[in-house]
């Protein structure tokens, strides 16, 4: 009986194809909007998490800030070693400094960012060497003129297809040997992490900065430890080393990358859910349209219903037929909406440059929900059709 009802429903939809398309337009737009918003929202969340993870997972980033006196007290290597040795749960700590410079090679030049650091800093920030090698201990200790370049620097000044490893390039007035090329990292912390050159910490301190100060240092901690406890220990130790009295504010900031990742993920998730709920309102509008057209269909086919009831069709069979038509109509609209949402998500994700994250759950839920809309909004017209009096229905013109 159900199979026959589905075939009859498809035949009826095909007989009035234009009306069926216009009727399901609300369902199509509603499902498409929900699928698009959730898919793009997942892509934005993934993009944000990728940017934060480029700073390193389970990391604290500590940097000095301007005090009420208007001065900034930089950190030094002794601060970093104290944190690494005296705080439980800290796996490693490494300082870094930054500078800017123009890279030259074979007549090509490129303005870029120069970062001074050590292998532990690269490890803490999950920087992977795709070609070549990392610094040796001798290079770090002596402050040798060697460098690891990002992909954007490689593309800007080195010939396509050639390996820059082993080549000597110039950064400002410093000649250095390229020993490695980083793997692609993308955006992170508001800057392009592929447009950077890493050199040994001491090299940048001496040749670019002229002092031994640190701009920041990164603390990688064991995720099994409570991040809040480690952060409290960090604050206490640094205040003690910087001779801050009880009522003096901290002259440094601590950023917890894991906490930022969770917070931003929660915010983007909430915004995605809110937009999806707003978009789903059009589903209700589409459902009302389904009810309206089904009532019209019952009126148009009153004589047909009377003939069926007169020759022995049961009321529940008539109700099932019209209910099936409503469900099939909504299900087809749901499928079309999912296809529309898929294409719109691809286009929108490419336009705003976020990854396309296909979520089968939202597609299945949208399809099931659209079919349920057919039951909810199609039941009243179907019930009305099943309650028609055969004699009155046969007299209907």
Protein backbone atom coordinates (compact mmCIF):
# COMPACT_ATOMS: atom_id res chain seq x y z
CA UNK A 1 0.00 0.00 0.00
CA UNK A 2 2.80 2.41 0.89
CA UNK A 3 4.64 1.68 -2.35
CA UNK A 4 1.50 2.35 -4.37
CA UNK A 5 0.93 5.59 -2.45
CA UNK A 6 4.45 6.76 -3.25
CA UNK A 7 3.98 6.00 -6.96
CA UNK A 8 0.67 7.86 -6.99
CA UNK A 9 2.31 10.79 -5.16
CA UNK A 10 5.13 10.98 -7.70
CA UNK A 11 2.60 10.86 -10.57
CA UNK A 12 0.58 13.67 -9.05
CA UNK A 13 3.73 15.78 -8.48
CA UNK A 14 4.78 15.23 -12.10
CA UNK A 15 1.34 16.26 -13.38
CA UNK A 16 1.75 19.64 -11.67
CA UNK A 17 5.53 20.02 -11.86
CA UNK A 18 5.69 23.83 -11.85
CA UNK A 19 3.27 24.11 -8.95
CA UNK A 20 5.24 21.47 -7.05
CA UNK A 21 8.51 23.35 -7.56
CA UNK A 22 7.00 26.63 -6.41
CA UNK A 23 5.39 24.89 -3.43
CA UNK A 24 8.65 23.36 -2.26
CA UNK A 25 10.65 26.55 -2.81
CA UNK A 26 10.40 27.45 0.88
CA UNK A 27 11.64 24.00 1.88
CA UNK A 28 14.48 24.19 -0.66
CA UNK A 29 15.61 27.62 0.51
CA UNK A 30 15.25 26.70 4.19
CA UNK A 31 17.22 23.45 3.96
CA UNK A 32 19.81 25.07 1.68
CA UNK A 33 20.28 27.98 4.08
CA UNK A 34 20.67 25.72 7.11
CA UNK A 35 23.15 23.42 5.36
CA UNK A 36 25.12 26.40 4.01
CA UNK A 37 25.29 28.24 7.32
CA UNK A 38 26.32 25.18 9.32
CA UNK A 39 28.89 24.04 6.75
CA UNK A 40 30.46 27.49 6.37
CA UNK A 41 30.32 27.95 10.17
CA UNK A 42 32.23 24.70 10.62
CA UNK A 43 34.77 25.94 8.09
CA UNK A 44 35.21 29.23 9.94
CA UNK A 45 35.63 27.32 13.21
CA UNK A 46 38.22 25.04 11.63
CA UNK A 47 40.04 28.04 10.18
CA UNK A 48 40.16 29.81 13.55
CA UNK A 49 41.35 26.67 15.32
CA UNK A 50 44.02 26.17 12.66
CA UNK A 51 45.27 29.72 13.18
CA UNK A 52 45.42 29.27 16.94
CA UNK A 53 47.05 25.85 16.67
CA UNK A 54 49.81 27.42 14.57
CA UNK A 55 50.86 29.14 17.80
CA UNK A 56 51.21 25.71 19.38
CA UNK A 57 48.81 23.56 21.38
CA UNK A 58 48.89 23.71 25.19
CA UNK A 59 51.19 26.73 25.16
CA UNK A 60 51.53 29.89 27.17
CA UNK A 61 52.91 32.90 25.33
CA UNK A 62 54.37 35.47 27.73
CA UNK A 63 55.36 38.97 26.66
CA UNK A 64 56.11 42.22 28.53
CA UNK A 65 53.68 45.12 28.48
CA UNK A 66 53.98 48.82 29.14
CA UNK A 67 53.70 49.71 32.81
CA UNK A 68 52.01 52.72 34.40
CA UNK A 69 55.42 54.37 34.30
CA UNK A 70 55.41 54.12 30.50
CA UNK A 71 58.30 51.64 30.26
CA UNK A 72 58.54 48.07 28.99
CA UNK A 73 60.85 45.70 30.86
CA UNK A 74 61.97 42.93 28.49
CA UNK A 75 62.59 39.33 29.52
CA UNK A 76 65.95 37.62 29.29
CA UNK A 77 67.22 34.06 28.99
CA UNK A 78 67.48 33.71 32.78
CA UNK A 79 63.72 34.20 33.07
CA UNK A 80 63.11 31.46 30.54
CA UNK A 81 65.44 28.99 32.28
CA UNK A 82 63.86 29.75 35.67
CA UNK A 83 60.38 28.98 34.34
CA UNK A 84 61.55 25.75 32.69
CA UNK A 85 63.34 24.49 35.80
CA UNK A 86 61.12 25.66 38.65
CA UNK A 87 57.51 25.09 37.52
CA UNK A 88 56.02 21.59 37.52
CA UNK A 89 54.26 20.60 34.30
CA UNK A 90 56.40 22.76 32.03
CA UNK A 91 57.86 20.63 29.25
CA UNK A 92 59.98 23.33 27.64
CA UNK A 93 60.37 27.09 27.50
CA UNK A 94 62.00 29.06 24.71
CA UNK A 95 62.42 32.76 23.99
CA UNK A 96 62.17 34.62 20.73
CA UNK A 97 62.80 38.01 19.18
CA UNK A 98 61.48 39.62 16.04
CA UNK A 99 62.78 42.02 13.44
CA UNK A 100 62.07 43.03 9.88
CA UNK A 101 64.37 42.87 6.90
CA UNK A 102 64.61 42.57 3.15
CA UNK A 103 65.72 39.22 1.72
CA UNK A 104 67.88 39.23 -1.44
CA UNK A 105 68.79 36.39 -3.77
CA UNK A 106 69.81 36.35 -7.43
CA UNK A 107 68.55 39.86 -8.10
CA UNK A 108 65.21 39.30 -6.37
CA UNK A 109 64.20 41.02 -3.13
CA UNK A 110 61.34 40.52 -0.65
CA UNK A 111 60.40 42.41 2.52
CA UNK A 112 59.70 39.88 5.25
CA UNK A 113 59.71 39.15 8.97
CA UNK A 114 62.81 37.80 10.69
CA UNK A 115 62.38 35.71 13.84
CA UNK A 116 65.17 34.69 16.17
CA UNK A 117 64.65 31.43 18.01
CA UNK A 118 65.92 28.00 18.89
CA UNK A 119 64.86 24.47 18.04
CA UNK A 120 62.73 24.26 21.22
CA UNK A 121 60.85 27.37 20.04
CA UNK A 122 60.19 25.73 16.67
CA UNK A 123 58.99 22.61 18.49
CA UNK A 124 56.70 24.57 20.83
CA UNK A 125 55.11 26.35 17.86
CA UNK A 126 54.74 23.06 15.93
CA UNK A 127 56.93 24.31 13.09
CA UNK A 128 57.92 21.44 10.80
CA UNK A 129 60.89 21.47 8.43
CA UNK A 130 59.69 20.24 5.06
CA UNK A 131 63.07 20.38 3.34
CA UNK A 132 66.55 20.57 4.84
CA UNK A 133 67.19 20.56 8.59
CA UNK A 134 66.83 22.50 11.82
CA UNK A 135 69.61 24.37 13.68
CA UNK A 136 72.49 22.48 15.26
CA UNK A 137 73.59 23.19 18.84
CA UNK A 138 76.79 24.79 17.60
CA UNK A 139 74.85 27.11 15.29
CA UNK A 140 72.56 28.16 18.13
CA UNK A 141 75.38 28.61 20.64
CA UNK A 142 77.63 30.57 18.29
CA UNK A 143 74.89 32.56 16.58
CA UNK A 144 75.85 31.37 13.10
CA UNK A 145 74.48 33.05 9.99
CA UNK A 146 72.10 30.28 8.95
CA UNK A 147 68.36 30.49 8.29
CA UNK A 148 65.16 28.53 7.75
CA UNK A 149 62.75 30.18 5.33
CA UNK A 150 58.99 30.06 4.88
CA UNK A 151 57.27 28.97 1.67
CA UNK A 152 56.27 32.50 0.68
CA UNK A 153 59.87 33.70 0.92
CA UNK A 154 60.98 30.74 -1.18
CA UNK A 155 58.40 31.49 -3.86
CA UNK A 156 59.29 35.20 -3.89
CA UNK A 157 63.04 35.09 -4.46
CA UNK A 158 64.10 31.58 -5.47
CA UNK A 159 63.60 30.11 -8.97
CA UNK A 160 60.67 27.75 -9.37
CA UNK A 161 61.72 24.10 -9.15
CA UNK A 162 65.09 24.79 -7.55
CA UNK A 163 66.02 23.86 -4.00
CA UNK A 164 67.11 26.80 -1.84
CA UNK A 165 68.81 24.51 0.70
CA UNK A 166 72.55 25.22 0.65
CA UNK A 167 72.17 28.54 -1.15
CA UNK A 168 73.49 31.75 0.36
CA UNK A 169 71.05 34.63 0.53
CA UNK A 170 71.26 38.06 2.09
CA UNK A 171 68.98 39.54 4.74
CA UNK A 172 69.60 43.28 4.96
CA UNK A 173 73.43 43.34 5.07
CA UNK A 174 73.83 39.85 6.56
CA UNK A 175 74.77 36.89 4.40
CA UNK A 176 73.30 33.59 5.57
CA UNK A 177 73.08 30.00 4.39
CA UNK A 178 69.63 28.51 3.85
CA UNK A 179 69.55 25.22 5.78
CA UNK A 180 65.82 24.48 5.68
CA UNK A 181 62.39 25.31 4.32
CA UNK A 182 59.32 25.17 6.57
CA UNK A 183 56.18 23.31 5.61
CA UNK A 184 53.14 25.42 4.78
CA UNK A 185 51.54 26.95 7.88
CA UNK A 186 49.13 29.64 6.64
CA UNK A 187 47.79 32.45 8.78
CA UNK A 188 48.37 32.45 12.52
CA UNK A 189 48.05 35.04 15.24
CA UNK A 190 47.06 37.72 12.71
CA UNK A 191 50.13 37.29 10.49
CA UNK A 192 51.29 35.12 7.61
CA UNK A 193 53.40 32.33 9.10
CA UNK A 194 54.75 31.41 5.67
CA UNK A 195 56.22 34.88 5.17
CA UNK A 196 59.03 34.58 7.72
CA UNK A 197 62.70 33.71 8.08
CA UNK A 198 63.96 31.98 11.22
CA UNK A 199 67.55 32.46 12.36
CA UNK A 200 69.32 31.41 15.56
CA UNK A 201 68.24 33.52 18.53
CA UNK A 202 71.71 34.91 19.23
CA UNK A 203 72.17 35.87 15.58
CA UNK A 204 69.08 38.07 15.54
CA UNK A 205 69.83 39.50 18.99
CA UNK A 206 73.34 40.56 18.03
CA UNK A 207 73.03 41.42 14.33
CA UNK A 208 69.53 42.93 14.25
CA UNK A 209 68.77 44.05 17.80
CA UNK A 210 72.12 44.79 19.42
CA UNK A 211 71.09 43.35 22.83
CA UNK A 212 70.22 40.08 24.58
CA UNK A 213 66.59 40.96 25.36
CA UNK A 214 63.64 38.72 24.46
CA UNK A 215 60.42 39.99 22.90
CA UNK A 216 58.49 37.01 24.24
CA UNK A 217 58.89 33.45 25.33
CA UNK A 218 56.76 30.36 24.82
CA UNK A 219 56.04 27.80 27.53
CA UNK A 220 54.83 24.37 26.40
CA UNK A 221 53.11 22.53 29.23
CA UNK A 222 51.86 19.00 29.84
CA UNK A 223 48.14 18.91 29.02
CA UNK A 224 47.55 16.49 31.93
CA UNK A 225 48.36 19.33 34.35
CA UNK A 226 45.81 22.00 35.21
CA UNK A 227 46.56 24.98 32.99
CA UNK A 228 45.26 27.39 35.65
CA UNK A 229 47.69 26.02 38.26
CA UNK A 230 50.65 26.37 35.89
CA UNK A 231 49.55 29.88 34.98
CA UNK A 232 49.31 30.86 38.67
CA UNK A 233 52.83 29.50 39.21
CA UNK A 234 54.06 31.46 36.20
CA UNK A 235 52.58 34.68 37.51
CA UNK A 236 54.05 34.13 40.98
CA UNK A 237 57.54 33.29 39.70
CA UNK A 238 57.70 36.17 37.22
CA UNK A 239 56.41 38.70 39.74
CA UNK A 240 59.10 37.53 42.15
CA UNK A 241 61.84 37.78 39.54
CA UNK A 242 60.66 41.20 38.40
CA UNK A 243 60.42 42.46 42.01
CA UNK A 244 56.75 43.43 41.77
CA UNK A 245 55.12 44.36 45.07
CA UNK A 246 51.71 43.06 46.14
CA UNK A 247 49.69 46.03 44.89
CA UNK A 248 51.63 46.52 41.64
CA UNK A 249 49.95 45.25 38.44
CA UNK A 250 51.69 42.67 36.29
CA UNK A 251 54.00 44.17 33.70
CA UNK A 252 53.53 41.14 31.45
CA UNK A 253 50.70 39.27 29.77
CA UNK A 254 50.13 35.53 29.52
CA UNK A 255 48.16 34.05 26.62
CA UNK A 256 46.89 30.46 26.89
CA UNK A 257 46.51 29.16 23.32
CA UNK A 258 44.36 26.19 24.39
CA UNK A 259 41.96 28.47 26.23
CA UNK A 260 41.72 30.82 23.24
CA UNK A 261 41.04 27.86 20.96
CA UNK A 262 38.20 26.65 23.17
CA UNK A 263 36.70 30.11 23.59
CA UNK A 264 36.77 30.95 19.88
CA UNK A 265 35.39 27.50 19.02
CA UNK A 266 32.50 28.04 21.44
CA UNK A 267 31.77 31.52 20.05
CA UNK A 268 31.81 30.48 16.40
CA UNK A 269 29.73 27.40 17.24
CA UNK A 270 27.12 29.53 19.02
CA UNK A 271 26.98 32.01 16.13
CA UNK A 272 26.60 29.17 13.63
CA UNK A 273 23.75 27.66 15.66
CA UNK A 274 22.01 31.03 15.93
CA UNK A 275 22.25 31.71 12.19
CA UNK A 276 21.04 28.17 11.43
CA UNK A 277 18.01 28.66 13.70
CA UNK A 278 17.17 31.92 11.96
CA UNK A 279 17.55 30.25 8.56
CA UNK A 280 15.29 27.38 9.64
CA UNK A 281 12.38 29.83 10.00
CA UNK A 282 11.98 29.61 6.23
CA UNK A 283 11.32 25.90 6.73
CA UNK A 284 8.22 26.77 8.71
CA UNK A 285 7.15 29.15 5.96
CA UNK A 286 7.72 26.36 3.44
CA UNK A 287 5.68 23.98 5.59
CA UNK A 288 2.75 26.41 5.61
CA UNK A 289 3.01 26.57 1.83
CA UNK A 290 2.86 22.77 1.69
CA UNK A 291 -0.32 22.76 3.81
CA UNK A 292 -1.90 25.43 1.63
CA UNK A 293 -1.25 23.61 -1.64
CA UNK A 294 -2.39 20.28 -0.20
CA UNK A 295 -5.69 21.87 0.85
CA UNK A 296 -6.04 23.19 -2.70
CA UNK A 297 -5.26 19.71 -4.02
CA UNK A 298 -7.95 18.16 -1.81
CA UNK A 299 -10.47 20.66 -3.14
CA UNK A 300 -9.45 20.01 -6.78
CA UNK A 301 -9.65 16.24 -6.35
CA UNK A 302 -12.83 16.05 -4.28
CA UNK A 303 -14.67 14.10 -6.99
CA UNK A 304 -11.72 11.68 -7.34
CA UNK A 305 -11.77 11.12 -3.57
CA UNK A 306 -15.53 10.48 -3.69
CA UNK A 307 -15.12 7.84 -6.41
CA UNK A 308 -12.42 6.04 -4.40
CA UNK A 309 -14.47 6.03 -1.24
CA UNK A 310 -17.56 4.89 -3.18
CA UNK A 311 -15.83 1.85 -4.66
CA UNK A 312 -14.52 0.68 -1.30
CA UNK A 313 -11.39 2.66 -0.42
CA UNK A 314 -10.96 3.08 3.32
CA UNK A 315 -10.62 6.48 4.93
CA UNK A 316 -7.16 5.61 6.24
CA UNK A 317 -6.05 4.72 2.69
CA UNK A 318 -7.15 8.12 1.40
CA UNK A 319 -5.42 9.78 4.35
CA UNK A 320 -2.23 7.79 3.67
CA UNK A 321 -2.23 8.79 0.00
CA UNK A 322 -2.43 12.53 0.67
CA UNK A 323 -0.02 12.32 3.59
CA UNK A 324 2.45 10.44 1.38
CA UNK A 325 2.17 13.16 -1.27
CA UNK A 326 3.02 15.82 1.30
CA UNK A 327 5.98 13.84 2.67
CA UNK A 328 7.34 13.04 -0.81
CA UNK A 329 6.97 16.69 -1.82
CA UNK A 330 8.89 17.86 1.27
CA UNK A 331 11.52 15.11 0.92
CA UNK A 332 12.22 16.08 -2.68
CA UNK A 333 12.44 19.71 -1.60
CA UNK A 334 14.85 18.65 1.15
CA UNK A 335 17.08 16.81 -1.33
CA UNK A 336 17.10 19.81 -3.65
CA UNK A 337 17.90 22.06 -0.67
CA UNK A 338 20.83 19.86 0.35
CA UNK A 339 22.21 20.06 -3.20
CA UNK A 340 21.75 23.83 -3.21
CA UNK A 341 23.40 24.11 0.20
CA UNK A 342 26.34 21.98 -0.93
CA UNK A 343 27.02 24.18 -3.96
CA UNK A 344 26.49 27.40 -2.00
CA UNK A 345 28.83 26.18 0.75
CA UNK A 346 31.58 25.40 -1.76
CA UNK A 347 31.24 28.83 -3.36
CA UNK A 348 31.04 30.74 -0.07
CA UNK A 349 33.92 28.83 1.53
CA UNK A 350 36.09 29.63 -1.48
CA UNK A 351 35.00 33.28 -1.44
CA UNK A 352 35.93 33.88 2.22
CA UNK A 353 38.92 31.50 2.05
CA UNK A 354 37.94 29.02 4.74
CA UNK A 355 38.12 25.21 4.45
CA UNK A 356 35.05 23.34 3.19
CA UNK A 357 34.07 21.00 6.04
CA UNK A 358 31.39 18.56 4.90
CA UNK A 359 29.14 17.54 7.79
CA UNK A 360 26.99 14.48 6.96
CA UNK A 361 25.02 14.87 10.19
CA UNK A 362 23.50 18.25 9.31
CA UNK A 363 22.61 16.98 5.82
CA UNK A 364 20.85 13.89 7.18
CA UNK A 365 19.10 15.88 9.91
CA UNK A 366 17.94 18.48 7.36
CA UNK A 367 16.52 15.78 5.10
CA UNK A 368 14.74 14.00 7.96
CA UNK A 369 13.40 17.31 9.28
CA UNK A 370 12.04 18.25 5.87
CA UNK A 371 10.23 14.88 5.68
CA UNK A 372 8.81 15.45 9.16
CA UNK A 373 7.56 18.84 7.96
CA UNK A 374 5.56 16.94 5.36
CA UNK A 375 3.91 14.86 8.10
CA UNK A 376 3.22 17.85 10.35
CA UNK A 377 1.82 20.16 7.69
CA UNK A 378 0.30 17.47 5.48
CA UNK A 379 -1.69 15.66 8.15
CA UNK A 380 -4.56 18.17 8.35
CA UNK A 381 -5.25 18.22 4.56
CA UNK A 382 -4.95 14.41 4.46
CA UNK A 383 -7.32 14.04 7.41
CA UNK A 384 -9.76 16.43 5.78
CA UNK A 385 -9.70 14.38 2.57
CA UNK A 386 -10.35 11.13 4.44
CA UNK A 387 -13.41 12.59 6.20
CA UNK A 388 -15.24 13.63 3.04
CA UNK A 389 -18.69 12.13 2.54
CA UNK A 390 -18.65 10.01 -0.64
CA UNK A 391 -22.11 11.25 -1.80
CA UNK A 392 -21.22 14.92 -1.31
CA UNK A 393 -17.84 14.39 -2.91
CA UNK A 394 -19.37 12.79 -6.02
CA UNK A 395 -21.73 15.78 -6.40
CA UNK A 396 -18.75 18.20 -6.31
CA UNK A 397 -18.16 20.02 -9.59
